[in-house]
Amino acid sequence: MFRTLRLVTCASLLTLCGFATAASAADLKVVASFSIIADLAKNVGGDRVKITSLVGPDGDAHVYEPRPADAASLEKANVVLVNGLQFEGFMSRLIEASGTKAPVVEVSKGIEPLKAEEEEHRHAHGDHGHEGHHHHGEFDPHAWQSIPNAEIYVKNIADAFCAADKAGCPTYTENSKTYLAKLAALQTEVKATIASIPEGKRTVITSHDAFGYFQHEYGLKFIAPEGISTEAEASAADVAKLIDQVREDKASAIFVENITNPRLVEQIARETGLKVGGTLYSDALSGSDGPAPTYIDMFRYNVNTIKNAILGS
């Protein structure tokens, strides 16, 4: 009797061992170019994926300098996720240097990109914007600032994971369904929050032009002293123009971003009497102890920060 029991236990252990090996063998090694894509990928991949984000929380992908460890991560990757739309200037050199054989997936594929030129009226400067255009190409790459676009990102990520790990496909499909439902609920919430801001007060200033898709989707007007890239520096004439524009457009609030230098915004605030309404998260999440550690937290935090600054609550 005793021996039989022992055999049963052993057999169960072997079965469990078998499962453990299968699960860990399915660890899909994923490299994401920056923190926002890494978070979307985490929601799709769950326990089956191991995600490395090259540009971390509060990091600026516009000026990121890759490290040797990044090439090593890429070399071992099964899937590489990038935004595309020429957002990650550093990526193509890095991919080449790493010799990675992994598919490089542009998660923005299928969105309707906004032309950088279409946004020119939002700039408070002359030819300065062209530097931003030159840096990022023809289109504004910050497409994740619209939740419907993030839903397209999620579908692209799920497809990429299914292609790389067929056995995990049902898991990825299920996870993405759950997460897409959360994004749909967030979209409803964001629209309701914006609707509570009086129409005449929906103009705000940010330190760089990362909110074109937000403006397009939700009807807030953003003006920025810098171009689409944080590499561009605003000149004194640009700042003077912006200050005139603030007075003309009756901007309701001004914000710094977690990836840019706050000095310029503080100067504009001083000269226009606008209060700095807080920090917005544009191109990077916060650390886990900050207010925007996930994409959903980031969106909710940004929209509430804007509303509170405008309505003074």
C-alpha atoms as a PDB file:
ATOM      1  CA  MET A   1       0.000   0.000   0.000  1.00  0.00           C
ATOM      2  CA  PHE A   2       2.725   2.412   1.039  1.00  0.00           C
ATOM      3  CA  ARG A   3       4.732   1.682  -2.073  1.00  0.00           C
ATOM      4  CA  THR A   4       1.682   2.282  -4.308  1.00  0.00           C
ATOM      5  CA  LEU A   5       1.122   5.664  -2.684  1.00  0.00           C
ATOM      6  CA  ARG A   6       4.710   6.584  -3.251  1.00  0.00           C
ATOM      7  CA  LEU A   7       4.414   5.670  -6.899  1.00  0.00           C
ATOM      8  CA  VAL A   8       1.287   7.777  -7.295  1.00  0.00           C
ATOM      9  CA  THR A   9       2.985  10.781  -5.689  1.00  0.00           C
ATOM     10  CA  CYS A  10       5.998  10.318  -7.900  1.00  0.00           C
ATOM     11  CA  ALA A  11       3.844  10.032 -10.977  1.00  0.00           C
ATOM     12  CA  SER A  12       2.026  13.272  -9.994  1.00  0.00           C
ATOM     13  CA  LEU A  13       5.342  15.013  -9.461  1.00  0.00           C
ATOM     14  CA  LEU A  14       6.558  13.877 -12.842  1.00  0.00           C
ATOM     15  CA  THR A  15       3.384  15.199 -14.426  1.00  0.00           C
ATOM     16  CA  LEU A  16       3.837  18.502 -12.608  1.00  0.00           C
ATOM     17  CA  CYS A  17       7.467  18.601 -13.670  1.00  0.00           C
ATOM     18  CA  GLY A  18       6.398  18.032 -17.228  1.00  0.00           C
ATOM     19  CA  PHE A  19       4.001  20.986 -17.034  1.00  0.00           C
ATOM     20  CA  ALA A  20       6.603  23.233 -15.454  1.00  0.00           C
ATOM     21  CA  THR A  21       9.075  22.474 -18.213  1.00  0.00           C
ATOM     22  CA  ALA A  22       6.458  23.091 -20.895  1.00  0.00           C
ATOM     23  CA  ALA A  23       5.467  26.444 -19.362  1.00  0.00           C
ATOM     24  CA  SER A  24       8.995  27.753 -18.962  1.00  0.00           C
ATOM     25  CA  ALA A  25       9.958  26.543 -22.434  1.00  0.00           C
ATOM     26  CA  ALA A  26       7.127  28.720 -23.746  1.00  0.00           C
ATOM     27  CA  ASP A  27       8.703  31.869 -22.277  1.00  0.00           C
ATOM     28  CA  LEU A  28       8.655  34.108 -25.315  1.00  0.00           C
ATOM     29  CA  LYS A  29      11.533  36.589 -25.151  1.00  0.00           C
ATOM     30  CA  VAL A  30      10.170  39.938 -26.238  1.00  0.00           C
ATOM     31  CA  VAL A  31      12.070  43.209 -26.620  1.00  0.00           C
ATOM     32  CA  ALA A  32       9.942  46.386 -26.697  1.00  0.00           C
ATOM     33  CA  SER A  33      11.494  49.666 -27.768  1.00  0.00           C
ATOM     34  CA  PHE A  34       9.968  51.694 -24.901  1.00  0.00           C
ATOM     35  CA  SER A  35       7.836  51.415 -21.768  1.00  0.00           C
ATOM     36  CA  ILE A  36       4.370  52.028 -23.245  1.00  0.00           C
ATOM     37  CA  ILE A  37       4.692  49.207 -25.789  1.00  0.00           C
ATOM     38  CA  ALA A  38       6.189  46.978 -23.074  1.00  0.00           C
ATOM     39  CA  ASP A  39       3.084  47.475 -20.924  1.00  0.00           C
ATOM     40  CA  LEU A  40       0.664  46.693 -23.780  1.00  0.00           C
ATOM     41  CA  ALA A  41       2.729  43.577 -24.538  1.00  0.00           C
ATOM     42  CA  LYS A  42       2.616  42.490 -20.891  1.00  0.00           C
ATOM     43  CA  ASN A  43      -1.175  42.612 -20.956  1.00  0.00           C
ATOM     44  CA  VAL A  44      -1.288  40.433 -24.073  1.00  0.00           C
ATOM     45  CA  GLY A  45       1.493  38.027 -23.128  1.00  0.00           C
ATOM     46  CA  GLY A  46       0.808  37.487 -19.430  1.00  0.00           C
ATOM     47  CA  ASP A  47       2.986  34.764 -17.885  1.00  0.00           C
ATOM     48  CA  ARG A  48       4.066  33.297 -21.218  1.00  0.00           C
ATOM     49  CA  VAL A  49       6.335  36.217 -22.136  1.00  0.00           C
ATOM     50  CA  LYS A  50       9.468  37.770 -20.738  1.00  0.00           C
ATOM     51  CA  ILE A  51       9.617  41.431 -21.730  1.00  0.00           C
ATOM     52  CA  THR A  52      12.625  43.741 -21.874  1.00  0.00           C
ATOM     53  CA  SER A  53      11.995  47.441 -22.484  1.00  0.00           C
ATOM     54  CA  LEU A  54      14.959  49.280 -24.011  1.00  0.00           C
ATOM     55  CA  VAL A  55      13.881  52.822 -23.039  1.00  0.00           C
ATOM     56  CA  GLY A  56      12.662  52.573 -19.465  1.00  0.00           C
ATOM     57  CA  PRO A  57      10.163  54.584 -17.380  1.00  0.00           C
ATOM     58  CA  ASP A  58      10.569  58.373 -17.722  1.00  0.00           C
ATOM     59  CA  GLY A  59      13.046  57.739 -20.569  1.00  0.00           C
ATOM     60  CA  ASP A  60      13.036  59.763 -23.794  1.00  0.00           C
ATOM     61  CA  ALA A  61      13.190  57.583 -26.923  1.00  0.00           C
ATOM     62  CA  HIS A  62      13.941  60.666 -29.065  1.00  0.00           C
ATOM     63  CA  VAL A  63      17.447  60.994 -27.642  1.00  0.00           C
ATOM     64  CA  TYR A  64      18.076  57.469 -26.338  1.00  0.00           C
ATOM     65  CA  GLU A  65      21.611  56.111 -26.667  1.00  0.00           C
ATOM     66  CA  PRO A  66      21.606  52.289 -26.834  1.00  0.00           C
ATOM     67  CA  ARG A  67      23.857  50.315 -24.471  1.00  0.00           C
ATOM     68  CA  PRO A  68      25.761  47.075 -25.220  1.00  0.00           C
ATOM     69  CA  ALA A  69      23.194  45.170 -23.093  1.00  0.00           C
ATOM     70  CA  ASP A  70      20.474  46.262 -25.568  1.00  0.00           C
ATOM     71  CA  ALA A  71      22.181  44.500 -28.476  1.00  0.00           C
ATOM     72  CA  ALA A  72      22.500  41.373 -26.317  1.00  0.00           C
ATOM     73  CA  SER A  73      18.754  41.477 -25.486  1.00  0.00           C
ATOM     74  CA  LEU A  74      17.881  41.831 -29.157  1.00  0.00           C
ATOM     75  CA  GLU A  75      20.141  38.965 -30.138  1.00  0.00           C
ATOM     76  CA  LYS A  76      18.264  36.612 -27.768  1.00  0.00           C
ATOM     77  CA  ALA A  77      14.777  37.935 -28.615  1.00  0.00           C
ATOM     78  CA  ASN A  78      12.020  35.895 -30.269  1.00  0.00           C
ATOM     79  CA  VAL A  79      10.001  39.023 -31.113  1.00  0.00           C
ATOM     80  CA  VAL A  80      10.995  42.703 -31.303  1.00  0.00           C
ATOM     81  CA  LEU A  81       8.209  45.291 -30.934  1.00  0.00           C
ATOM     82  CA  VAL A  82       8.701  48.854 -32.154  1.00  0.00           C
ATOM     83  CA  ASN A  83       6.293  51.742 -32.595  1.00  0.00           C
ATOM     84  CA  GLY A  84       7.338  52.531 -36.165  1.00  0.00           C
ATOM     85  CA  LEU A  85       6.477  55.825 -37.917  1.00  0.00           C
ATOM     86  CA  GLN A  86      10.165  56.727 -37.440  1.00  0.00           C
ATOM     87  CA  PHE A  87       9.709  57.201 -33.692  1.00  0.00           C
ATOM     88  CA  GLU A  88      12.743  55.200 -32.631  1.00  0.00           C
ATOM     89  CA  GLY A  89      15.641  56.758 -34.500  1.00  0.00           C
ATOM     90  CA  PHE A  90      18.105  54.525 -32.649  1.00  0.00           C
ATOM     91  CA  MET A  91      16.456  51.184 -33.483  1.00  0.00           C
ATOM     92  CA  SER A  92      17.564  50.361 -37.018  1.00  0.00           C
ATOM     93  CA  ARG A  93      21.284  50.702 -36.199  1.00  0.00           C
ATOM     94  CA  LEU A  94      20.810  48.680 -33.031  1.00  0.00           C
ATOM     95  CA  ILE A  95      18.912  45.879 -34.796  1.00  0.00           C
ATOM     96  CA  GLU A  96      21.655  45.658 -37.413  1.00  0.00           C
ATOM     97  CA  ALA A  97      24.425  45.665 -34.805  1.00  0.00           C
ATOM     98  CA  SER A  98      22.731  42.932 -32.752  1.00  0.00           C
ATOM     99  CA  GLY A  99      22.404  40.527 -35.697  1.00  0.00           C
ATOM    100  CA  THR A 100      18.995  39.483 -34.312  1.00  0.00           C
ATOM    101  CA  LYS A 101      16.983  36.982 -36.345  1.00  0.00           C
ATOM    102  CA  ALA A 102      13.729  37.936 -34.559  1.00  0.00           C
ATOM    103  CA  PRO A 103      10.857  39.481 -36.521  1.00  0.00           C
ATOM    104  CA  VAL A 104      10.682  43.244 -35.960  1.00  0.00           C
ATOM    105  CA  VAL A 105       7.011  44.169 -35.639  1.00  0.00           C
ATOM    106  CA  GLU A 106       5.768  47.755 -36.088  1.00  0.00           C
ATOM    107  CA  VAL A 107       2.843  47.850 -33.682  1.00  0.00           C
ATOM    108  CA  SER A 108       1.380  51.029 -35.221  1.00  0.00           C
ATOM    109  CA  LYS A 109       0.675  49.183 -38.492  1.00  0.00           C
ATOM    110  CA  GLY A 110      -2.894  49.846 -39.610  1.00  0.00           C
ATOM    111  CA  ILE A 111      -3.499  53.081 -37.708  1.00  0.00           C
ATOM    112  CA  GLU A 112      -4.364  56.213 -39.656  1.00  0.00           C
ATOM    113  CA  PRO A 113      -1.261  58.343 -39.178  1.00  0.00           C
ATOM    114  CA  LEU A 114      -1.580  62.107 -38.788  1.00  0.00           C
ATOM    115  CA  LYS A 115       0.710  64.040 -41.088  1.00  0.00           C
ATOM    116  CA  ALA A 116       3.229  66.124 -39.172  1.00  0.00           C
ATOM    117  CA  GLU A 117       2.435  69.049 -41.498  1.00  0.00           C
ATOM    118  CA  GLU A 118      -1.250  68.941 -40.561  1.00  0.00           C
ATOM    119  CA  GLU A 119      -0.196  69.813 -37.065  1.00  0.00           C
ATOM    120  CA  GLU A 120       1.779  72.866 -38.125  1.00  0.00           C
ATOM    121  CA  HIS A 121      -1.006  75.218 -37.009  1.00  0.00           C
ATOM    122  CA  ARG A 122      -0.532  73.923 -33.500  1.00  0.00           C
ATOM    123  CA  HIS A 123       3.057  75.075 -33.379  1.00  0.00           C
ATOM    124  CA  ALA A 124       3.758  78.507 -32.052  1.00  0.00           C
ATOM    125  CA  HIS A 125       6.792  78.845 -34.260  1.00  0.00           C
ATOM    126  CA  GLY A 126       7.915  79.219 -37.842  1.00  0.00           C
ATOM    127  CA  ASP A 127      10.372  76.928 -39.588  1.00  0.00           C
ATOM    128  CA  HIS A 128      11.331  75.316 -36.288  1.00  0.00           C
ATOM    129  CA  GLY A 129       8.733  72.617 -36.701  1.00  0.00           C
ATOM    130  CA  HIS A 130      10.528  71.303 -39.756  1.00  0.00           C
ATOM    131  CA  GLU A 131      13.351  70.086 -37.563  1.00  0.00           C
ATOM    132  CA  GLY A 132      10.803  67.980 -35.740  1.00  0.00           C
ATOM    133  CA  HIS A 133       9.433  66.753 -39.067  1.00  0.00           C
ATOM    134  CA  HIS A 134      12.914  66.011 -40.301  1.00  0.00           C
ATOM    135  CA  HIS A 135      13.631  63.980 -37.207  1.00  0.00           C
ATOM    136  CA  HIS A 136      10.448  61.915 -37.327  1.00  0.00           C
ATOM    137  CA  GLY A 137       9.632  61.913 -41.016  1.00  0.00           C
ATOM    138  CA  GLU A 138       6.320  62.711 -42.610  1.00  0.00           C
ATOM    139  CA  PHE A 139       4.013  61.495 -39.846  1.00  0.00           C
ATOM    140  CA  ASP A 140       3.490  62.213 -36.172  1.00  0.00           C
ATOM    141  CA  PRO A 141       4.538  58.957 -34.469  1.00  0.00           C
ATOM    142  CA  HIS A 142       2.814  59.455 -31.070  1.00  0.00           C
ATOM    143  CA  ALA A 143      -0.191  57.365 -32.141  1.00  0.00           C
ATOM    144  CA  TRP A 144      -0.685  55.691 -28.729  1.00  0.00           C
ATOM    145  CA  GLN A 145      -2.168  58.983 -27.441  1.00  0.00           C
ATOM    146  CA  SER A 146      -5.506  57.790 -28.847  1.00  0.00           C
ATOM    147  CA  ILE A 147      -7.070  54.740 -27.177  1.00  0.00           C
ATOM    148  CA  PRO A 148      -8.560  53.350 -30.445  1.00  0.00           C
ATOM    149  CA  ASN A 149      -4.996  53.351 -31.837  1.00  0.00           C
ATOM    150  CA  ALA A 150      -3.745  51.517 -28.740  1.00  0.00           C
ATOM    151  CA  GLU A 151      -6.404  48.870 -29.497  1.00  0.00           C
ATOM    152  CA  ILE A 152      -4.787  48.394 -32.932  1.00  0.00           C
ATOM    153  CA  TYR A 153      -1.372  48.117 -31.233  1.00  0.00           C
ATOM    154  CA  VAL A 154      -2.777  45.368 -28.981  1.00  0.00           C
ATOM    155  CA  LYS A 155      -4.165  43.390 -31.941  1.00  0.00           C
ATOM    156  CA  ASN A 156      -0.822  43.650 -33.750  1.00  0.00           C
ATOM    157  CA  ILE A 157       1.021  42.459 -30.639  1.00  0.00           C
ATOM    158  CA  ALA A 158      -1.350  39.482 -30.227  1.00  0.00           C
ATOM    159  CA  ASP A 159      -0.822  38.537 -33.905  1.00  0.00           C
ATOM    160  CA  ALA A 160       2.956  38.760 -33.483  1.00  0.00           C
ATOM    161  CA  PHE A 161       2.889  36.572 -30.361  1.00  0.00           C
ATOM    162  CA  CYS A 162       0.600  34.007 -32.031  1.00  0.00           C
ATOM    163  CA  ALA A 163       2.964  33.807 -35.003  1.00  0.00           C
ATOM    164  CA  ALA A 164       5.996  33.291 -32.745  1.00  0.00           C
ATOM    165  CA  ASP A 165       4.343  30.877 -30.265  1.00  0.00           C
ATOM    166  CA  LYS A 166       1.431  28.963 -31.808  1.00  0.00           C
ATOM    167  CA  ALA A 167       0.827  26.909 -28.659  1.00  0.00           C
ATOM    168  CA  GLY A 168       0.288  30.125 -26.693  1.00  0.00           C
ATOM    169  CA  CYS A 169      -2.103  31.663 -29.223  1.00  0.00           C
ATOM    170  CA  PRO A 170      -5.345  30.854 -27.301  1.00  0.00           C
ATOM    171  CA  THR A 171      -3.819  32.527 -24.213  1.00  0.00           C
ATOM    172  CA  TYR A 172      -2.774  35.634 -26.162  1.00  0.00           C
ATOM    173  CA  THR A 173      -6.177  35.885 -27.826  1.00  0.00           C
ATOM    174  CA  GLU A 174      -7.978  35.569 -24.484  1.00  0.00           C
ATOM    175  CA  ASN A 175      -5.650  38.064 -22.757  1.00  0.00           C
ATOM    176  CA  SER A 176      -6.033  40.601 -25.527  1.00  0.00           C
ATOM    177  CA  LYS A 177      -9.853  40.285 -25.430  1.00  0.00           C
ATOM    178  CA  THR A 178      -9.821  41.012 -21.689  1.00  0.00           C
ATOM    179  CA  TYR A 179      -7.480  43.964 -22.125  1.00  0.00           C
ATOM    180  CA  LEU A 180      -9.378  45.402 -25.121  1.00  0.00           C
ATOM    181  CA  ALA A 181     -12.529  45.440 -22.960  1.00  0.00           C
ATOM    182  CA  LYS A 182     -10.606  47.502 -20.363  1.00  0.00           C
ATOM    183  CA  LEU A 183      -9.456  49.911 -23.079  1.00  0.00           C
ATOM    184  CA  ALA A 184     -13.034  50.306 -24.359  1.00  0.00           C
ATOM    185  CA  ALA A 185     -14.159  51.193 -20.814  1.00  0.00           C
ATOM    186  CA  LEU A 186     -11.271  53.665 -20.522  1.00  0.00           C
ATOM    187  CA  GLN A 187     -12.294  55.320 -23.825  1.00  0.00           C
ATOM    188  CA  THR A 188     -15.820  55.913 -22.451  1.00  0.00           C
ATOM    189  CA  GLU A 189     -14.396  57.323 -19.211  1.00  0.00           C
ATOM    190  CA  VAL A 190     -11.942  59.665 -20.995  1.00  0.00           C
ATOM    191  CA  LYS A 191     -14.663  61.032 -23.294  1.00  0.00           C
ATOM    192  CA  ALA A 192     -16.900  61.718 -20.292  1.00  0.00           C
ATOM    193  CA  THR A 193     -14.073  63.537 -18.478  1.00  0.00           C
ATOM    194  CA  ILE A 194     -13.313  65.743 -21.510  1.00  0.00           C
ATOM    195  CA  ALA A 195     -17.050  66.454 -21.935  1.00  0.00           C
ATOM    196  CA  SER A 196     -17.081  67.871 -18.380  1.00  0.00           C
ATOM    197  CA  ILE A 197     -14.578  70.604 -19.430  1.00  0.00           C
ATOM    198  CA  PRO A 198     -16.378  73.667 -20.900  1.00  0.00           C
ATOM    199  CA  GLU A 199     -15.634  73.966 -24.638  1.00  0.00           C
ATOM    200  CA  GLY A 200     -14.101  77.422 -24.342  1.00  0.00           C
ATOM    201  CA  LYS A 201     -11.517  76.101 -21.890  1.00  0.00           C
ATOM    202  CA  ARG A 202     -10.141  73.197 -23.909  1.00  0.00           C
ATOM    203  CA  THR A 203      -6.807  74.727 -24.949  1.00  0.00           C
ATOM    204  CA  VAL A 204      -3.662  73.696 -23.082  1.00  0.00           C
ATOM    205  CA  ILE A 205       0.098  74.019 -23.565  1.00  0.00           C
ATOM    206  CA  THR A 206       2.588  71.172 -23.317  1.00  0.00           C
ATOM    207  CA  SER A 207       6.342  71.203 -23.610  1.00  0.00           C
ATOM    208  CA  HIS A 208       6.608  69.137 -26.815  1.00  0.00           C
ATOM    209  CA  ASP A 209       4.207  68.139 -29.512  1.00  0.00           C
ATOM    210  CA  ALA A 210       3.219  64.646 -28.380  1.00  0.00           C
ATOM    211  CA  PHE A 211      -0.539  65.028 -28.125  1.00  0.00           C
ATOM    212  CA  GLY A 212      -1.683  65.392 -31.755  1.00  0.00           C
ATOM    213  CA  TYR A 213      -3.612  62.126 -31.681  1.00  0.00           C
ATOM    214  CA  PHE A 214      -5.143  63.027 -28.319  1.00  0.00           C
ATOM    215  CA  GLN A 215      -6.313  66.346 -29.793  1.00  0.00           C
ATOM    216  CA  HIS A 216      -7.657  64.614 -32.915  1.00  0.00           C
ATOM    217  CA  GLU A 217      -9.531  61.943 -30.929  1.00  0.00           C
ATOM    218  CA  TYR A 218     -10.826  63.915 -27.936  1.00  0.00           C
ATOM    219  CA  GLY A 219     -11.124  67.556 -29.032  1.00  0.00           C
ATOM    220  CA  LEU A 220      -8.712  69.207 -26.603  1.00  0.00           C
ATOM    221  CA  LYS A 221      -6.395  71.712 -28.293  1.00  0.00           C
ATOM    222  CA  PHE A 222      -2.694  71.375 -27.479  1.00  0.00           C
ATOM    223  CA  ILE A 223      -0.090  73.972 -28.397  1.00  0.00           C
ATOM    224  CA  ALA A 224       3.623  73.395 -27.918  1.00  0.00           C
ATOM    225  CA  PRO A 225       6.740  75.558 -28.099  1.00  0.00           C
ATOM    226  CA  GLU A 226       8.840  72.678 -29.402  1.00  0.00           C
ATOM    227  CA  GLY A 227       8.455  70.512 -32.466  1.00  0.00           C
ATOM    228  CA  ILE A 228       7.323  66.926 -32.569  1.00  0.00           C
ATOM    229  CA  SER A 229      10.754  65.799 -31.397  1.00  0.00           C
ATOM    230  CA  THR A 230      12.189  66.734 -28.009  1.00  0.00           C
ATOM    231  CA  GLU A 231      15.521  67.228 -29.814  1.00  0.00           C
ATOM    232  CA  ALA A 232      14.273  70.555 -31.145  1.00  0.00           C
ATOM    233  CA  GLU A 233      15.029  73.603 -28.991  1.00  0.00           C
ATOM    234  CA  ALA A 234      12.634  76.554 -29.025  1.00  0.00           C
ATOM    235  CA  SER A 235      14.237  79.929 -29.756  1.00  0.00           C
ATOM    236  CA  ALA A 236      13.443  83.213 -27.980  1.00  0.00           C
ATOM    237  CA  ALA A 237      11.331  84.283 -30.980  1.00  0.00           C
ATOM    238  CA  ASP A 238       9.384  80.994 -30.815  1.00  0.00           C
ATOM    239  CA  VAL A 239       8.702  81.566 -27.127  1.00  0.00           C
ATOM    240  CA  ALA A 240       7.578  85.172 -27.758  1.00  0.00           C
ATOM    241  CA  LYS A 241       5.203  83.888 -30.481  1.00  0.00           C
ATOM    242  CA  LEU A 242       3.873  81.248 -28.147  1.00  0.00           C
ATOM    243  CA  ILE A 243       3.213  83.800 -25.406  1.00  0.00           C
ATOM    244  CA  ASP A 244       1.172  85.860 -27.922  1.00  0.00           C
ATOM    245  CA  GLN A 245      -0.686  82.718 -28.948  1.00  0.00           C
ATOM    246  CA  VAL A 246      -1.479  81.834 -25.327  1.00  0.00           C
ATOM    247  CA  ARG A 247      -3.058  85.271 -24.853  1.00  0.00           C
ATOM    248  CA  GLU A 248      -4.951  84.952 -28.143  1.00  0.00           C
ATOM    249  CA  ASP A 249      -6.133  81.368 -27.678  1.00  0.00           C
ATOM    250  CA  LYS A 250      -6.828  81.907 -23.997  1.00  0.00           C
ATOM    251  CA  ALA A 251      -5.044  78.711 -23.002  1.00  0.00           C
ATOM    252  CA  SER A 252      -6.395  77.409 -19.721  1.00  0.00           C
ATOM    253  CA  ALA A 253      -3.387  75.523 -18.385  1.00  0.00           C
ATOM    254  CA  ILE A 254       0.230  74.665 -19.074  1.00  0.00           C
ATOM    255  CA  PHE A 255       1.978  71.346 -18.376  1.00  0.00           C
ATOM    256  CA  VAL A 256       5.451  69.900 -18.201  1.00  0.00           C
ATOM    257  CA  GLU A 257       6.113  66.370 -19.446  1.00  0.00           C
ATOM    258  CA  ASN A 258       8.004  63.639 -17.663  1.00  0.00           C
ATOM    259  CA  ILE A 259      10.589  63.444 -20.456  1.00  0.00           C
ATOM    260  CA  THR A 260      11.381  67.106 -21.074  1.00  0.00           C
ATOM    261  CA  ASN A 261      13.080  70.071 -19.430  1.00  0.00           C
ATOM    262  CA  PRO A 262      10.527  72.083 -17.401  1.00  0.00           C
ATOM    263  CA  ARG A 263      12.391  75.428 -17.644  1.00  0.00           C
ATOM    264  CA  LEU A 264      10.766  76.611 -20.864  1.00  0.00           C
ATOM    265  CA  VAL A 265       7.277  75.836 -19.597  1.00  0.00           C
ATOM    266  CA  GLU A 266       8.019  77.601 -16.315  1.00  0.00           C
ATOM    267  CA  GLN A 267       9.169  80.716 -18.220  1.00  0.00           C
ATOM    268  CA  ILE A 268       5.961  80.773 -20.309  1.00  0.00           C
ATOM    269  CA  ALA A 269       3.893  80.276 -17.153  1.00  0.00           C
ATOM    270  CA  ARG A 270       5.623  83.232 -15.502  1.00  0.00           C
ATOM    271  CA  GLU A 271       5.107  85.539 -18.482  1.00  0.00           C
ATOM    272  CA  THR A 272       1.458  84.638 -19.081  1.00  0.00           C
ATOM    273  CA  GLY A 273       0.352  84.190 -15.491  1.00  0.00           C
ATOM    274  CA  LEU A 274      -0.754  80.615 -16.231  1.00  0.00           C
ATOM    275  CA  LYS A 275      -0.287  78.109 -13.471  1.00  0.00           C
ATOM    276  CA  VAL A 276       1.738  74.987 -14.272  1.00  0.00           C
ATOM    277  CA  GLY A 277      -0.959  72.348 -13.979  1.00  0.00           C
ATOM    278  CA  GLY A 278       1.350  69.409 -13.306  1.00  0.00           C
ATOM    279  CA  THR A 279       3.226  66.760 -15.262  1.00  0.00           C
ATOM    280  CA  LEU A 280       1.789  64.847 -18.208  1.00  0.00           C
ATOM    281  CA  TYR A 281       3.106  61.472 -19.326  1.00  0.00           C
ATOM    282  CA  SER A 282       3.561  61.546 -23.091  1.00  0.00           C
ATOM    283  CA  ASP A 283       6.212  59.158 -24.411  1.00  0.00           C
ATOM    284  CA  ALA A 284       7.048  57.145 -21.303  1.00  0.00           C
ATOM    285  CA  LEU A 285       5.328  55.641 -18.294  1.00  0.00           C
ATOM    286  CA  SER A 286       6.339  56.525 -14.745  1.00  0.00           C
ATOM    287  CA  GLY A 287       8.202  54.117 -12.494  1.00  0.00           C
ATOM    288  CA  SER A 288       6.092  51.630 -10.537  1.00  0.00           C
ATOM    289  CA  ASP A 289       5.916  54.078  -7.606  1.00  0.00           C
ATOM    290  CA  GLY A 290       4.714  56.960  -9.823  1.00  0.00           C
ATOM    291  CA  PRO A 291       1.180  57.899 -10.934  1.00  0.00           C
ATOM    292  CA  ALA A 292       1.416  56.351 -14.421  1.00  0.00           C
ATOM    293  CA  PRO A 293       3.034  52.892 -14.207  1.00  0.00           C
ATOM    294  CA  THR A 294       0.730  51.391 -16.887  1.00  0.00           C
ATOM    295  CA  TYR A 295      -0.831  52.657 -20.123  1.00  0.00           C
ATOM    296  CA  ILE A 296      -4.313  52.755 -18.549  1.00  0.00           C
ATOM    297  CA  ASP A 297      -2.997  54.610 -15.473  1.00  0.00           C
ATOM    298  CA  MET A 298      -1.142  57.041 -17.760  1.00  0.00           C
ATOM    299  CA  PHE A 299      -4.221  57.909 -19.803  1.00  0.00           C
ATOM    300  CA  ARG A 300      -6.461  58.291 -16.774  1.00  0.00           C
ATOM    301  CA  TYR A 301      -3.849  60.358 -14.922  1.00  0.00           C
ATOM    302  CA  ASN A 302      -3.238  62.681 -17.910  1.00  0.00           C
ATOM    303  CA  VAL A 303      -6.892  63.392 -18.551  1.00  0.00           C
ATOM    304  CA  ASN A 304      -7.672  63.982 -14.853  1.00  0.00           C
ATOM    305  CA  THR A 305      -4.592  66.208 -14.454  1.00  0.00           C
ATOM    306  CA  ILE A 306      -5.741  68.311 -17.418  1.00  0.00           C
ATOM    307  CA  LYS A 307      -9.302  68.529 -16.109  1.00  0.00           C
ATOM    308  CA  ASN A 308      -8.230  69.470 -12.562  1.00  0.00           C
ATOM    309  CA  ALA A 309      -5.808  72.129 -13.823  1.00  0.00           C
ATOM    310  CA  ILE A 310      -8.456  73.714 -16.063  1.00  0.00           C
ATOM    311  CA  LEU A 311     -11.340  73.539 -13.611  1.00  0.00           C
ATOM    312  CA  GLY A 312      -9.140  74.343 -10.632  1.00  0.00           C
ATOM    313  CA  SER A 313     -10.232  71.353  -8.571  1.00  0.00           C
END
